[in-house]
Amino acid sequence: MLKSYFQRNRTVDSKYLFIKYPYLKNEYFDVKYNNAEVSESFSSGSHLNDALYEMLLYTSIPQQLVRADKSSMAFSIECRFPFLDYRVVEYAINLSYDYKTKNGLTKYILREALKDLLPAEVYNRRDKIGFAIPNNSFNTIKIREYIYSLLDNIKDENFKFLNKQKFINQYFSNSDENILDWKFWKTISVILWQKTFIINRENNAI
């Protein structure tokens, strides 16, 4: 379960784990570097529709759907995805390349359809930003104190996947920006989850 959590999708080589997360313990995950799973349709990486197929069925979209479903249910919100209507998907997949991307602009046909309704800065926008985290408002001193306290109070035998000292060295030895990194919080989330739902539950059962 942890391997699938840290490994972002099935098309990424397993050694990605230890490049992006050098503080994870290799022996705990029992990873074989030569067993990366890459689907046949995406192996060449040369076809736009192959890439779209992978994203739709195996990588980006399934992950986002799970997250959106959990987040919306947590706040009793009905969440819908109109662009994933099968008719829209089939139509988009069958469009020629020029309608999908043109002159560096993605979603070209959608941009053109809404051109008269969108501000120019939106129509021409090339970066993609969702709901950004307000990093500038974070009190990094308090975050450091909290995480130090958390790590200081966990026992290594309960978190066998983590090299605690490497984790501390990577994120607390340099600038404050390090502790705003998404990989940092992904690891902290696992620690908190295991502490809350496994360790605390076992202690209460004794």
N, C-alpha and C. Protein backbone atom coordinates (compact mmCIF):
# COMPACT_ATOMS: atom_id res chain seq x y z
N MET A 1 0.83 -1.20 0.00
CA MET A 1 0.00 0.00 0.00
C MET A 1 0.87 1.26 0.00
N LEU A 2 1.93 1.26 0.84
CA LEU A 2 2.80 2.43 0.90
C LEU A 2 3.51 2.67 -0.42
N LYS A 3 3.90 1.57 -1.08
CA LYS A 3 4.59 1.72 -2.36
C LYS A 3 3.69 2.42 -3.37
N SER A 4 2.44 2.00 -3.46
CA SER A 4 1.52 2.63 -4.41
C SER A 4 1.22 4.07 -4.02
N TYR A 5 1.27 4.37 -2.73
CA TYR A 5 1.02 5.74 -2.26
C TYR A 5 2.15 6.68 -2.69
N PHE A 6 3.39 6.25 -2.48
CA PHE A 6 4.52 7.10 -2.83
C PHE A 6 4.83 7.08 -4.31
N GLN A 7 4.55 5.97 -4.98
CA GLN A 7 4.82 5.86 -6.41
C GLN A 7 3.65 6.46 -7.14
N ARG A 8 3.85 7.56 -7.80
CA ARG A 8 2.75 8.40 -8.27
C ARG A 8 1.84 7.70 -9.27
N ASN A 9 2.40 6.88 -10.14
CA ASN A 9 1.55 6.14 -11.06
C ASN A 9 2.30 4.93 -11.59
N ARG A 10 1.62 4.08 -12.30
CA ARG A 10 2.19 2.80 -12.69
C ARG A 10 3.22 2.92 -13.80
N THR A 11 3.28 4.07 -14.49
CA THR A 11 4.23 4.21 -15.59
C THR A 11 5.59 4.70 -15.13
N VAL A 12 5.73 4.98 -13.85
CA VAL A 12 6.99 5.50 -13.33
C VAL A 12 7.84 4.35 -12.80
N ASP A 13 9.12 4.34 -13.19
CA ASP A 13 10.04 3.32 -12.71
C ASP A 13 10.06 3.31 -11.19
N SER A 14 10.17 2.13 -10.60
CA SER A 14 10.13 2.01 -9.15
C SER A 14 11.26 2.76 -8.46
N LYS A 15 12.38 2.93 -9.14
CA LYS A 15 13.49 3.63 -8.49
C LYS A 15 13.18 5.11 -8.30
N TYR A 16 12.10 5.58 -8.92
CA TYR A 16 11.60 6.94 -8.65
C TYR A 16 11.42 7.15 -7.16
N LEU A 17 11.00 6.10 -6.46
CA LEU A 17 10.78 6.21 -5.02
C LEU A 17 12.00 6.73 -4.30
N PHE A 18 13.16 6.21 -4.64
CA PHE A 18 14.36 6.51 -3.88
C PHE A 18 15.15 7.68 -4.46
N ILE A 19 14.70 8.17 -5.60
CA ILE A 19 15.25 9.41 -6.14
C ILE A 19 14.50 10.59 -5.51
N LYS A 20 13.19 10.48 -5.50
CA LYS A 20 12.36 11.55 -4.94
C LYS A 20 12.27 11.48 -3.42
N TYR A 21 12.38 10.27 -2.88
CA TYR A 21 12.26 10.08 -1.43
C TYR A 21 13.49 9.33 -0.92
N PRO A 22 14.65 9.97 -0.85
CA PRO A 22 15.87 9.26 -0.44
C PRO A 22 15.85 8.77 1.00
N TYR A 23 14.90 9.22 1.77
CA TYR A 23 14.81 8.81 3.18
C TYR A 23 13.93 7.58 3.38
N LEU A 24 13.35 7.04 2.30
CA LEU A 24 12.61 5.79 2.41
C LEU A 24 13.60 4.63 2.41
N LYS A 25 13.29 3.59 3.14
CA LYS A 25 14.20 2.45 3.26
C LYS A 25 13.94 1.44 2.15
N ASN A 26 14.95 1.22 1.34
CA ASN A 26 14.86 0.32 0.20
C ASN A 26 14.40 -1.07 0.61
N GLU A 27 14.98 -1.60 1.68
CA GLU A 27 14.67 -2.98 2.07
C GLU A 27 13.22 -3.16 2.51
N TYR A 28 12.61 -2.09 2.99
CA TYR A 28 11.22 -2.19 3.44
C TYR A 28 10.28 -2.36 2.25
N PHE A 29 10.58 -1.67 1.15
CA PHE A 29 9.70 -1.71 -0.02
C PHE A 29 10.01 -2.87 -0.94
N ASP A 30 11.19 -3.46 -0.81
CA ASP A 30 11.58 -4.61 -1.62
C ASP A 30 11.38 -4.31 -3.10
N VAL A 31 11.91 -3.19 -3.53
CA VAL A 31 11.71 -2.74 -4.91
C VAL A 31 12.75 -3.35 -5.84
N LYS A 32 12.30 -3.83 -6.99
CA LYS A 32 13.18 -4.34 -8.04
C LYS A 32 13.21 -3.29 -9.15
N TYR A 33 14.36 -2.67 -9.35
CA TYR A 33 14.43 -1.56 -10.29
C TYR A 33 14.10 -1.95 -11.73
N ASN A 34 14.32 -3.20 -12.08
CA ASN A 34 14.10 -3.59 -13.47
C ASN A 34 12.69 -4.07 -13.74
N ASN A 35 11.79 -3.88 -12.79
CA ASN A 35 10.42 -4.35 -12.97
C ASN A 35 9.42 -3.20 -13.12
N ALA A 36 9.86 -2.10 -13.65
CA ALA A 36 8.95 -0.98 -13.83
C ALA A 36 7.83 -1.37 -14.77
N GLU A 37 6.63 -1.00 -14.43
CA GLU A 37 5.47 -1.38 -15.23
C GLU A 37 5.08 -0.24 -16.15
N VAL A 38 5.25 -0.45 -17.42
CA VAL A 38 4.88 0.54 -18.41
C VAL A 38 3.97 -0.13 -19.42
N SER A 39 2.81 0.42 -19.62
CA SER A 39 1.86 -0.23 -20.52
C SER A 39 2.37 -0.18 -21.95
N GLU A 40 1.99 -1.16 -22.72
CA GLU A 40 2.49 -1.29 -24.08
C GLU A 40 2.12 -0.09 -24.93
N SER A 41 0.91 0.43 -24.74
CA SER A 41 0.45 1.52 -25.60
C SER A 41 1.24 2.80 -25.38
N PHE A 42 1.89 2.92 -24.22
CA PHE A 42 2.58 4.16 -23.88
C PHE A 42 4.09 4.01 -23.94
N SER A 43 4.57 2.84 -24.32
CA SER A 43 6.00 2.56 -24.23
C SER A 43 6.83 3.44 -25.17
N SER A 44 6.29 3.79 -26.32
CA SER A 44 7.05 4.60 -27.26
C SER A 44 7.03 6.07 -26.89
N GLY A 45 5.95 6.52 -26.26
CA GLY A 45 5.83 7.92 -25.86
C GLY A 45 5.73 8.86 -27.04
N SER A 46 5.37 8.35 -28.24
CA SER A 46 5.42 9.17 -29.45
C SER A 46 4.04 9.57 -29.95
N HIS A 47 3.01 9.16 -29.29
CA HIS A 47 1.68 9.38 -29.82
C HIS A 47 0.82 10.10 -28.79
N LEU A 48 0.29 11.24 -29.18
CA LEU A 48 -0.50 12.05 -28.24
C LEU A 48 -1.70 11.29 -27.70
N ASN A 49 -2.39 10.56 -28.56
CA ASN A 49 -3.56 9.81 -28.11
C ASN A 49 -3.19 8.71 -27.12
N ASP A 50 -2.01 8.11 -27.30
CA ASP A 50 -1.55 7.11 -26.33
C ASP A 50 -1.37 7.75 -24.96
N ALA A 51 -0.79 8.96 -24.96
CA ALA A 51 -0.58 9.67 -23.70
C ALA A 51 -1.92 10.03 -23.06
N LEU A 52 -2.87 10.48 -23.87
CA LEU A 52 -4.20 10.81 -23.34
C LEU A 52 -4.90 9.57 -22.79
N TYR A 53 -4.74 8.47 -23.48
CA TYR A 53 -5.33 7.20 -23.03
C TYR A 53 -4.78 6.80 -21.67
N GLU A 54 -3.46 6.90 -21.52
CA GLU A 54 -2.83 6.57 -20.24
C GLU A 54 -3.32 7.48 -19.12
N MET A 55 -3.37 8.76 -19.40
CA MET A 55 -3.81 9.72 -18.38
C MET A 55 -5.25 9.48 -17.98
N LEU A 56 -6.08 9.14 -18.96
CA LEU A 56 -7.50 8.96 -18.70
C LEU A 56 -7.79 7.70 -17.89
N LEU A 57 -7.07 6.62 -18.17
CA LEU A 57 -7.40 5.34 -17.55
C LEU A 57 -6.48 4.92 -16.41
N TYR A 58 -5.25 5.41 -16.41
CA TYR A 58 -4.28 4.83 -15.48
C TYR A 58 -3.53 5.81 -14.59
N THR A 59 -3.33 7.03 -15.01
CA THR A 59 -2.43 7.90 -14.24
C THR A 59 -3.16 9.10 -13.64
N SER A 60 -3.16 10.20 -14.33
CA SER A 60 -3.63 11.46 -13.76
C SER A 60 -5.11 11.46 -13.36
N ILE A 61 -5.99 11.11 -14.29
CA ILE A 61 -7.43 11.24 -14.04
C ILE A 61 -7.92 10.33 -12.90
N PRO A 62 -7.59 9.04 -12.87
CA PRO A 62 -8.05 8.21 -11.75
C PRO A 62 -7.63 8.74 -10.39
N GLN A 63 -6.40 9.23 -10.29
CA GLN A 63 -5.92 9.78 -9.02
C GLN A 63 -6.73 11.01 -8.63
N GLN A 64 -6.96 11.89 -9.59
CA GLN A 64 -7.70 13.12 -9.29
C GLN A 64 -9.16 12.82 -8.94
N LEU A 65 -9.75 11.82 -9.57
CA LEU A 65 -11.13 11.47 -9.26
C LEU A 65 -11.27 10.96 -7.83
N VAL A 66 -10.33 10.14 -7.41
CA VAL A 66 -10.36 9.63 -6.03
C VAL A 66 -10.24 10.77 -5.04
N ARG A 67 -9.29 11.67 -5.28
CA ARG A 67 -9.09 12.79 -4.36
C ARG A 67 -10.30 13.71 -4.33
N ALA A 68 -10.86 14.00 -5.51
CA ALA A 68 -12.03 14.87 -5.56
C ALA A 68 -13.22 14.24 -4.86
N ASP A 69 -13.38 12.93 -5.04
CA ASP A 69 -14.50 12.22 -4.41
C ASP A 69 -14.38 12.26 -2.89
N LYS A 70 -13.20 11.99 -2.37
CA LYS A 70 -12.99 12.00 -0.92
C LYS A 70 -13.16 13.40 -0.35
N SER A 71 -12.60 14.39 -1.04
CA SER A 71 -12.68 15.77 -0.55
C SER A 71 -14.11 16.29 -0.56
N SER A 72 -14.84 15.99 -1.63
CA SER A 72 -16.22 16.48 -1.71
C SER A 72 -17.12 15.78 -0.70
N MET A 73 -16.94 14.47 -0.52
CA MET A 73 -17.76 13.75 0.45
C MET A 73 -17.50 14.21 1.88
N ALA A 74 -16.26 14.61 2.15
CA ALA A 74 -15.91 15.06 3.50
C ALA A 74 -16.69 16.31 3.88
N PHE A 75 -17.13 17.08 2.88
CA PHE A 75 -17.87 18.32 3.15
C PHE A 75 -19.29 18.27 2.58
N SER A 76 -19.79 17.05 2.32
CA SER A 76 -21.16 16.84 1.84
C SER A 76 -21.45 17.66 0.58
N ILE A 77 -20.51 17.63 -0.35
CA ILE A 77 -20.66 18.36 -1.61
C ILE A 77 -20.77 17.35 -2.75
N GLU A 78 -21.75 17.56 -3.63
CA GLU A 78 -21.88 16.73 -4.82
C GLU A 78 -20.95 17.28 -5.89
N CYS A 79 -19.99 16.48 -6.29
CA CYS A 79 -18.98 16.92 -7.25
C CYS A 79 -19.20 16.21 -8.59
N ARG A 80 -19.23 16.97 -9.67
CA ARG A 80 -19.44 16.40 -11.00
C ARG A 80 -18.30 16.80 -11.94
N PHE A 81 -18.11 15.99 -12.98
CA PHE A 81 -17.00 16.20 -13.92
C PHE A 81 -17.55 16.19 -15.35
N PRO A 82 -18.13 17.30 -15.78
CA PRO A 82 -18.80 17.32 -17.09
C PRO A 82 -17.88 17.01 -18.27
N PHE A 83 -16.60 17.33 -18.16
CA PHE A 83 -15.69 17.06 -19.27
C PHE A 83 -15.36 15.58 -19.38
N LEU A 84 -15.78 14.78 -18.40
CA LEU A 84 -15.56 13.33 -18.48
C LEU A 84 -16.81 12.59 -18.95
N ASP A 85 -17.82 13.31 -19.36
CA ASP A 85 -18.96 12.68 -20.03
C ASP A 85 -18.41 11.88 -21.22
N TYR A 86 -18.86 10.64 -21.37
CA TYR A 86 -18.24 9.77 -22.38
C TYR A 86 -18.32 10.36 -23.78
N ARG A 87 -19.37 11.15 -24.06
CA ARG A 87 -19.51 11.74 -25.39
C ARG A 87 -18.45 12.81 -25.62
N VAL A 88 -18.16 13.59 -24.58
CA VAL A 88 -17.12 14.61 -24.68
C VAL A 88 -15.75 13.94 -24.84
N VAL A 89 -15.51 12.90 -24.05
CA VAL A 89 -14.23 12.19 -24.10
C VAL A 89 -14.01 11.57 -25.47
N GLU A 90 -15.01 10.87 -25.98
CA GLU A 90 -14.88 10.23 -27.28
C GLU A 90 -14.67 11.25 -28.40
N TYR A 91 -15.39 12.36 -28.31
CA TYR A 91 -15.25 13.41 -29.31
C TYR A 91 -13.84 14.00 -29.28
N ALA A 92 -13.36 14.29 -28.07
CA ALA A 92 -12.04 14.90 -27.92
C ALA A 92 -10.92 13.97 -28.38
N ILE A 93 -11.04 12.69 -28.03
CA ILE A 93 -10.01 11.72 -28.42
C ILE A 93 -9.91 11.63 -29.94
N ASN A 94 -11.04 11.74 -30.62
CA ASN A 94 -11.06 11.56 -32.07
C ASN A 94 -10.76 12.82 -32.86
N LEU A 95 -10.55 13.93 -32.18
CA LEU A 95 -10.19 15.16 -32.88
C LEU A 95 -8.77 15.06 -33.43
N SER A 96 -8.50 15.81 -34.47
CA SER A 96 -7.13 15.84 -35.00
C SER A 96 -6.23 16.63 -34.04
N TYR A 97 -4.93 16.44 -34.17
CA TYR A 97 -3.97 17.07 -33.24
C TYR A 97 -4.12 18.58 -33.20
N ASP A 98 -4.37 19.20 -34.35
CA ASP A 98 -4.43 20.66 -34.42
C ASP A 98 -5.53 21.24 -33.54
N TYR A 99 -6.55 20.46 -33.27
CA TYR A 99 -7.63 20.94 -32.41
C TYR A 99 -7.30 20.73 -30.92
N LYS A 100 -6.37 19.85 -30.66
CA LYS A 100 -6.01 19.56 -29.26
C LYS A 100 -4.91 20.49 -28.77
N THR A 101 -3.91 20.68 -29.58
CA THR A 101 -2.80 21.57 -29.20
C THR A 101 -2.29 22.28 -30.44
N LYS A 102 -2.03 23.57 -30.29
CA LYS A 102 -1.60 24.35 -31.45
C LYS A 102 -0.77 25.54 -30.96
N ASN A 103 0.40 25.70 -31.55
CA ASN A 103 1.29 26.80 -31.19
C ASN A 103 1.57 26.87 -29.69
N GLY A 104 1.69 25.70 -29.09
CA GLY A 104 2.00 25.65 -27.67
C GLY A 104 0.81 25.80 -26.75
N LEU A 105 -0.38 25.96 -27.32
CA LEU A 105 -1.59 26.10 -26.51
C LEU A 105 -2.31 24.76 -26.44
N THR A 106 -2.54 24.27 -25.25
CA THR A 106 -3.31 23.04 -25.07
C THR A 106 -4.80 23.36 -25.07
N LYS A 107 -5.62 22.32 -25.20
CA LYS A 107 -7.08 22.47 -25.20
C LYS A 107 -7.51 23.53 -26.23
N TYR A 108 -6.90 23.47 -27.40
CA TYR A 108 -7.06 24.55 -28.37
C TYR A 108 -8.51 24.75 -28.78
N ILE A 109 -9.24 23.68 -29.06
CA ILE A 109 -10.62 23.82 -29.51
C ILE A 109 -11.50 24.43 -28.42
N LEU A 110 -11.22 24.10 -27.16
CA LEU A 110 -11.98 24.66 -26.04
C LEU A 110 -11.68 26.15 -25.89
N ARG A 111 -10.43 26.51 -26.03
CA ARG A 111 -10.07 27.93 -25.96
C ARG A 111 -10.77 28.73 -27.06
N GLU A 112 -10.77 28.16 -28.28
CA GLU A 112 -11.40 28.86 -29.40
C GLU A 112 -12.90 28.99 -29.20
N ALA A 113 -13.52 27.95 -28.66
CA ALA A 113 -14.98 27.99 -28.45
C ALA A 113 -15.37 29.07 -27.46
N LEU A 114 -14.49 29.35 -26.50
CA LEU A 114 -14.81 30.32 -25.45
C LEU A 114 -14.02 31.63 -25.60
N LYS A 115 -13.40 31.80 -26.74
CA LYS A 115 -12.50 32.94 -26.94
C LYS A 115 -13.17 34.28 -26.67
N ASP A 116 -14.40 34.43 -27.13
CA ASP A 116 -15.10 35.71 -26.97
C ASP A 116 -15.59 35.94 -25.54
N LEU A 117 -15.57 34.90 -24.73
CA LEU A 117 -16.06 35.02 -23.35
C LEU A 117 -14.94 35.11 -22.33
N LEU A 118 -13.73 34.74 -22.73
CA LEU A 118 -12.61 34.70 -21.80
C LEU A 118 -11.75 35.96 -21.89
N PRO A 119 -11.24 36.43 -20.76
CA PRO A 119 -10.24 37.50 -20.81
C PRO A 119 -9.00 37.00 -21.55
N ALA A 120 -8.29 37.89 -22.18
CA ALA A 120 -7.13 37.51 -22.99
C ALA A 120 -6.09 36.77 -22.16
N GLU A 121 -5.91 37.19 -20.89
CA GLU A 121 -4.89 36.54 -20.06
C GLU A 121 -5.25 35.09 -19.74
N VAL A 122 -6.56 34.79 -19.73
CA VAL A 122 -6.99 33.41 -19.49
C VAL A 122 -6.87 32.61 -20.79
N TYR A 123 -7.31 33.19 -21.88
CA TYR A 123 -7.25 32.50 -23.17
C TYR A 123 -5.81 32.12 -23.54
N ASN A 124 -4.87 33.00 -23.25
CA ASN A 124 -3.47 32.77 -23.63
C ASN A 124 -2.64 32.11 -22.54
N ARG A 125 -3.25 31.78 -21.44
CA ARG A 125 -2.49 31.25 -20.31
C ARG A 125 -1.90 29.87 -20.63
N ARG A 126 -0.64 29.69 -20.29
CA ARG A 126 0.04 28.43 -20.58
C ARG A 126 0.34 27.62 -19.33
N ASP A 127 0.43 28.29 -18.18
CA ASP A 127 0.67 27.53 -16.95
C ASP A 127 -0.66 27.01 -16.42
N LYS A 128 -0.58 26.08 -15.51
CA LYS A 128 -1.80 25.47 -14.97
C LYS A 128 -1.70 25.46 -13.45
N ILE A 129 -2.56 26.24 -12.82
CA ILE A 129 -2.55 26.34 -11.36
C ILE A 129 -3.95 26.06 -10.84
N GLY A 130 -4.05 25.10 -9.95
CA GLY A 130 -5.35 24.79 -9.36
C GLY A 130 -5.59 25.62 -8.13
N PHE A 131 -5.86 24.96 -7.05
CA PHE A 131 -6.08 25.66 -5.79
C PHE A 131 -4.75 25.70 -5.04
N ALA A 132 -4.03 26.79 -5.22
CA ALA A 132 -2.69 26.90 -4.65
C ALA A 132 -2.74 27.03 -3.13
N ILE A 133 -1.77 26.41 -2.50
CA ILE A 133 -1.65 26.51 -1.05
C ILE A 133 -1.07 27.87 -0.68
N PRO A 134 -1.63 28.55 0.33
CA PRO A 134 -1.12 29.88 0.72
C PRO A 134 0.18 29.79 1.50
N ASN A 135 1.24 29.37 0.83
CA ASN A 135 2.52 29.13 1.51
C ASN A 135 3.03 30.34 2.28
N ASN A 136 2.81 31.52 1.70
CA ASN A 136 3.37 32.73 2.32
C ASN A 136 2.79 33.03 3.69
N SER A 137 1.61 32.47 3.95
CA SER A 137 0.96 32.75 5.23
C SER A 137 1.33 31.72 6.30
N PHE A 138 2.10 30.71 5.92
CA PHE A 138 2.47 29.67 6.88
C PHE A 138 3.52 30.18 7.86
N ASN A 139 3.36 29.81 9.09
CA ASN A 139 4.36 30.12 10.12
C ASN A 139 5.34 28.95 10.16
N THR A 140 6.44 29.09 9.44
CA THR A 140 7.36 27.96 9.31
C THR A 140 8.04 27.60 10.64
N ILE A 141 8.16 28.57 11.52
CA ILE A 141 8.76 28.28 12.84
C ILE A 141 7.87 27.31 13.61
N LYS A 142 6.56 27.59 13.60
CA LYS A 142 5.63 26.70 14.30
C LYS A 142 5.54 25.33 13.62
N ILE A 143 5.63 25.33 12.30
CA ILE A 143 5.62 24.05 11.57
C ILE A 143 6.83 23.22 11.97
N ARG A 144 7.99 23.85 12.01
CA ARG A 144 9.21 23.15 12.41
C ARG A 144 9.07 22.57 13.81
N GLU A 145 8.56 23.38 14.73
CA GLU A 145 8.40 22.92 16.11
C GLU A 145 7.46 21.72 16.18
N TYR A 146 6.36 21.80 15.42
CA TYR A 146 5.39 20.71 15.43
C TYR A 146 5.98 19.42 14.86
N ILE A 147 6.65 19.54 13.73
CA ILE A 147 7.21 18.35 13.07
C ILE A 147 8.34 17.75 13.90
N TYR A 148 9.19 18.61 14.45
CA TYR A 148 10.25 18.11 15.34
C TYR A 148 9.65 17.31 16.49
N SER A 149 8.60 17.86 17.09
CA SER A 149 7.95 17.17 18.21
C SER A 149 7.35 15.84 17.76
N LEU A 150 6.72 15.85 16.59
CA LEU A 150 6.13 14.63 16.04
C LEU A 150 7.18 13.55 15.83
N LEU A 151 8.27 13.92 15.16
CA LEU A 151 9.33 12.96 14.85
C LEU A 151 10.05 12.48 16.10
N ASP A 152 10.18 13.37 17.06
CA ASP A 152 10.89 13.02 18.29
C ASP A 152 10.13 11.98 19.10
N ASN A 153 8.81 11.94 18.90
CA ASN A 153 7.98 11.06 19.71
C ASN A 153 7.54 9.78 19.01
N ILE A 154 8.07 9.54 17.82
CA ILE A 154 7.73 8.29 17.14
C ILE A 154 8.88 7.30 17.31
N LYS A 155 8.54 6.04 17.41
CA LYS A 155 9.54 4.99 17.57
C LYS A 155 9.88 4.41 16.20
N ASP A 156 11.17 4.22 15.98
CA ASP A 156 11.62 3.73 14.67
C ASP A 156 10.98 2.40 14.29
N GLU A 157 10.75 1.53 15.27
CA GLU A 157 10.18 0.22 14.95
C GLU A 157 8.75 0.31 14.44
N ASN A 158 8.08 1.43 14.73
CA ASN A 158 6.71 1.62 14.24
C ASN A 158 6.65 2.24 12.85
N PHE A 159 7.79 2.76 12.39
CA PHE A 159 7.84 3.41 11.08
C PHE A 159 9.04 2.88 10.31
N LYS A 160 8.96 1.59 9.99
CA LYS A 160 10.10 0.89 9.40
C LYS A 160 10.43 1.37 7.99
N PHE A 161 9.51 2.04 7.34
CA PHE A 161 9.75 2.50 5.98
C PHE A 161 10.59 3.77 5.93
N LEU A 162 10.78 4.43 7.08
CA LEU A 162 11.36 5.76 7.10
C LEU A 162 12.72 5.79 7.80
N ASN A 163 13.69 6.41 7.13
CA ASN A 163 14.96 6.74 7.78
C ASN A 163 14.79 8.14 8.35
N LYS A 164 14.51 8.20 9.63
CA LYS A 164 14.12 9.46 10.25
C LYS A 164 15.23 10.52 10.15
N GLN A 165 16.46 10.11 10.36
CA GLN A 165 17.56 11.08 10.32
C GLN A 165 17.75 11.66 8.93
N LYS A 166 17.63 10.83 7.90
CA LYS A 166 17.73 11.33 6.52
C LYS A 166 16.61 12.31 6.21
N PHE A 167 15.43 11.99 6.71
CA PHE A 167 14.27 12.86 6.50
C PHE A 167 14.52 14.23 7.13
N ILE A 168 15.01 14.24 8.36
CA ILE A 168 15.30 15.49 9.06
C ILE A 168 16.40 16.27 8.34
N ASN A 169 17.44 15.57 7.91
CA ASN A 169 18.55 16.23 7.22
C ASN A 169 18.10 16.88 5.92
N GLN A 170 17.20 16.21 5.20
CA GLN A 170 16.77 16.73 3.91
C GLN A 170 15.90 17.97 4.05
N TYR A 171 15.03 18.00 5.03
CA TYR A 171 14.04 19.07 5.09
C TYR A 171 14.30 20.14 6.15
N PHE A 172 15.21 19.89 7.05
CA PHE A 172 15.42 20.86 8.11
C PHE A 172 16.81 21.47 8.14
N SER A 173 17.64 21.11 7.19
CA SER A 173 19.01 21.62 7.20
C SER A 173 19.20 22.82 6.28
N ASN A 174 18.19 23.10 5.43
CA ASN A 174 18.33 24.20 4.48
C ASN A 174 17.27 25.27 4.72
N SER A 175 16.71 25.80 3.66
CA SER A 175 15.78 26.92 3.79
C SER A 175 14.39 26.46 4.20
N ASP A 176 13.57 27.44 4.59
CA ASP A 176 12.20 27.15 4.99
C ASP A 176 11.38 26.58 3.84
N GLU A 177 11.79 26.86 2.60
CA GLU A 177 11.03 26.39 1.45
C GLU A 177 10.93 24.87 1.43
N ASN A 178 11.92 24.20 1.98
CA ASN A 178 11.93 22.74 1.97
C ASN A 178 10.72 22.14 2.65
N ILE A 179 10.27 22.75 3.74
CA ILE A 179 9.16 22.16 4.48
C ILE A 179 7.81 22.54 3.87
N LEU A 180 7.83 23.24 2.75
CA LEU A 180 6.59 23.50 2.02
C LEU A 180 6.50 22.61 0.79
N ASP A 181 7.49 21.75 0.62
CA ASP A 181 7.53 20.83 -0.52
C ASP A 181 6.45 19.76 -0.38
N TRP A 182 5.80 19.42 -1.50
CA TRP A 182 4.68 18.47 -1.43
C TRP A 182 5.13 17.09 -0.98
N LYS A 183 6.37 16.70 -1.31
CA LYS A 183 6.85 15.37 -0.89
C LYS A 183 7.02 15.30 0.62
N PHE A 184 7.38 16.43 1.21
CA PHE A 184 7.50 16.51 2.67
C PHE A 184 6.15 16.21 3.32
N TRP A 185 5.12 16.88 2.84
CA TRP A 185 3.80 16.72 3.45
C TRP A 185 3.17 15.37 3.12
N LYS A 186 3.54 14.81 2.00
CA LYS A 186 3.05 13.47 1.67
C LYS A 186 3.58 12.46 2.68
N THR A 187 4.84 12.62 3.06
CA THR A 187 5.44 11.73 4.04
C THR A 187 4.87 11.97 5.43
N ILE A 188 4.70 13.23 5.79
CA ILE A 188 4.11 13.56 7.10
C ILE A 188 2.70 13.00 7.21
N SER A 189 1.96 13.04 6.11
CA SER A 189 0.58 12.51 6.12
C SER A 189 0.57 11.02 6.46
N VAL A 190 1.53 10.27 5.90
CA VAL A 190 1.62 8.84 6.20
C VAL A 190 1.94 8.62 7.68
N ILE A 191 2.87 9.41 8.19
CA ILE A 191 3.25 9.28 9.60
C ILE A 191 2.05 9.55 10.51
N LEU A 192 1.32 10.62 10.22
CA LEU A 192 0.16 10.96 11.04
C LEU A 192 -0.94 9.92 10.92
N TRP A 193 -1.15 9.42 9.70
CA TRP A 193 -2.17 8.39 9.49
C TRP A 193 -1.84 7.13 10.28
N GLN A 194 -0.60 6.68 10.18
CA GLN A 194 -0.21 5.46 10.89
C GLN A 194 -0.27 5.67 12.40
N LYS A 195 0.13 6.84 12.86
CA LYS A 195 0.09 7.14 14.29
C LYS A 195 -1.35 7.15 14.80
N THR A 196 -2.26 7.73 14.01
CA THR A 196 -3.65 7.87 14.44
C THR A 196 -4.43 6.57 14.35
N PHE A 197 -4.31 5.88 13.22
CA PHE A 197 -5.20 4.75 12.96
C PHE A 197 -4.61 3.38 13.26
N ILE A 198 -3.31 3.31 13.45
CA ILE A 198 -2.70 2.00 13.75
C ILE A 198 -2.08 1.99 15.15
N ILE A 199 -1.14 2.88 15.38
CA ILE A 199 -0.43 2.86 16.67
C ILE A 199 -1.35 3.21 17.82
N ASN A 200 -2.09 4.31 17.70
CA ASN A 200 -2.99 4.72 18.78
C ASN A 200 -4.08 3.68 19.03
N ARG A 201 -4.57 3.08 17.94
CA ARG A 201 -5.62 2.05 18.09
C ARG A 201 -5.07 0.82 18.80
N GLU A 202 -3.84 0.43 18.45
CA GLU A 202 -3.22 -0.73 19.12
C GLU A 202 -2.98 -0.44 20.59
N ASN A 203 -2.54 0.77 20.90
CA ASN A 203 -2.29 1.13 22.30
C ASN A 203 -3.58 1.15 23.11
N ASN A 204 -4.65 1.62 22.50
CA ASN A 204 -5.94 1.68 23.21
C ASN A 204 -6.53 0.30 23.42
N ALA A 205 -6.12 -0.65 22.56
CA ALA A 205 -6.67 -2.01 22.67
C ALA A 205 -6.00 -2.81 23.78
N ILE A 206 -4.84 -2.33 24.22
CA ILE A 206 -4.10 -3.06 25.27
C ILE A 206 -4.77 -2.87 26.63
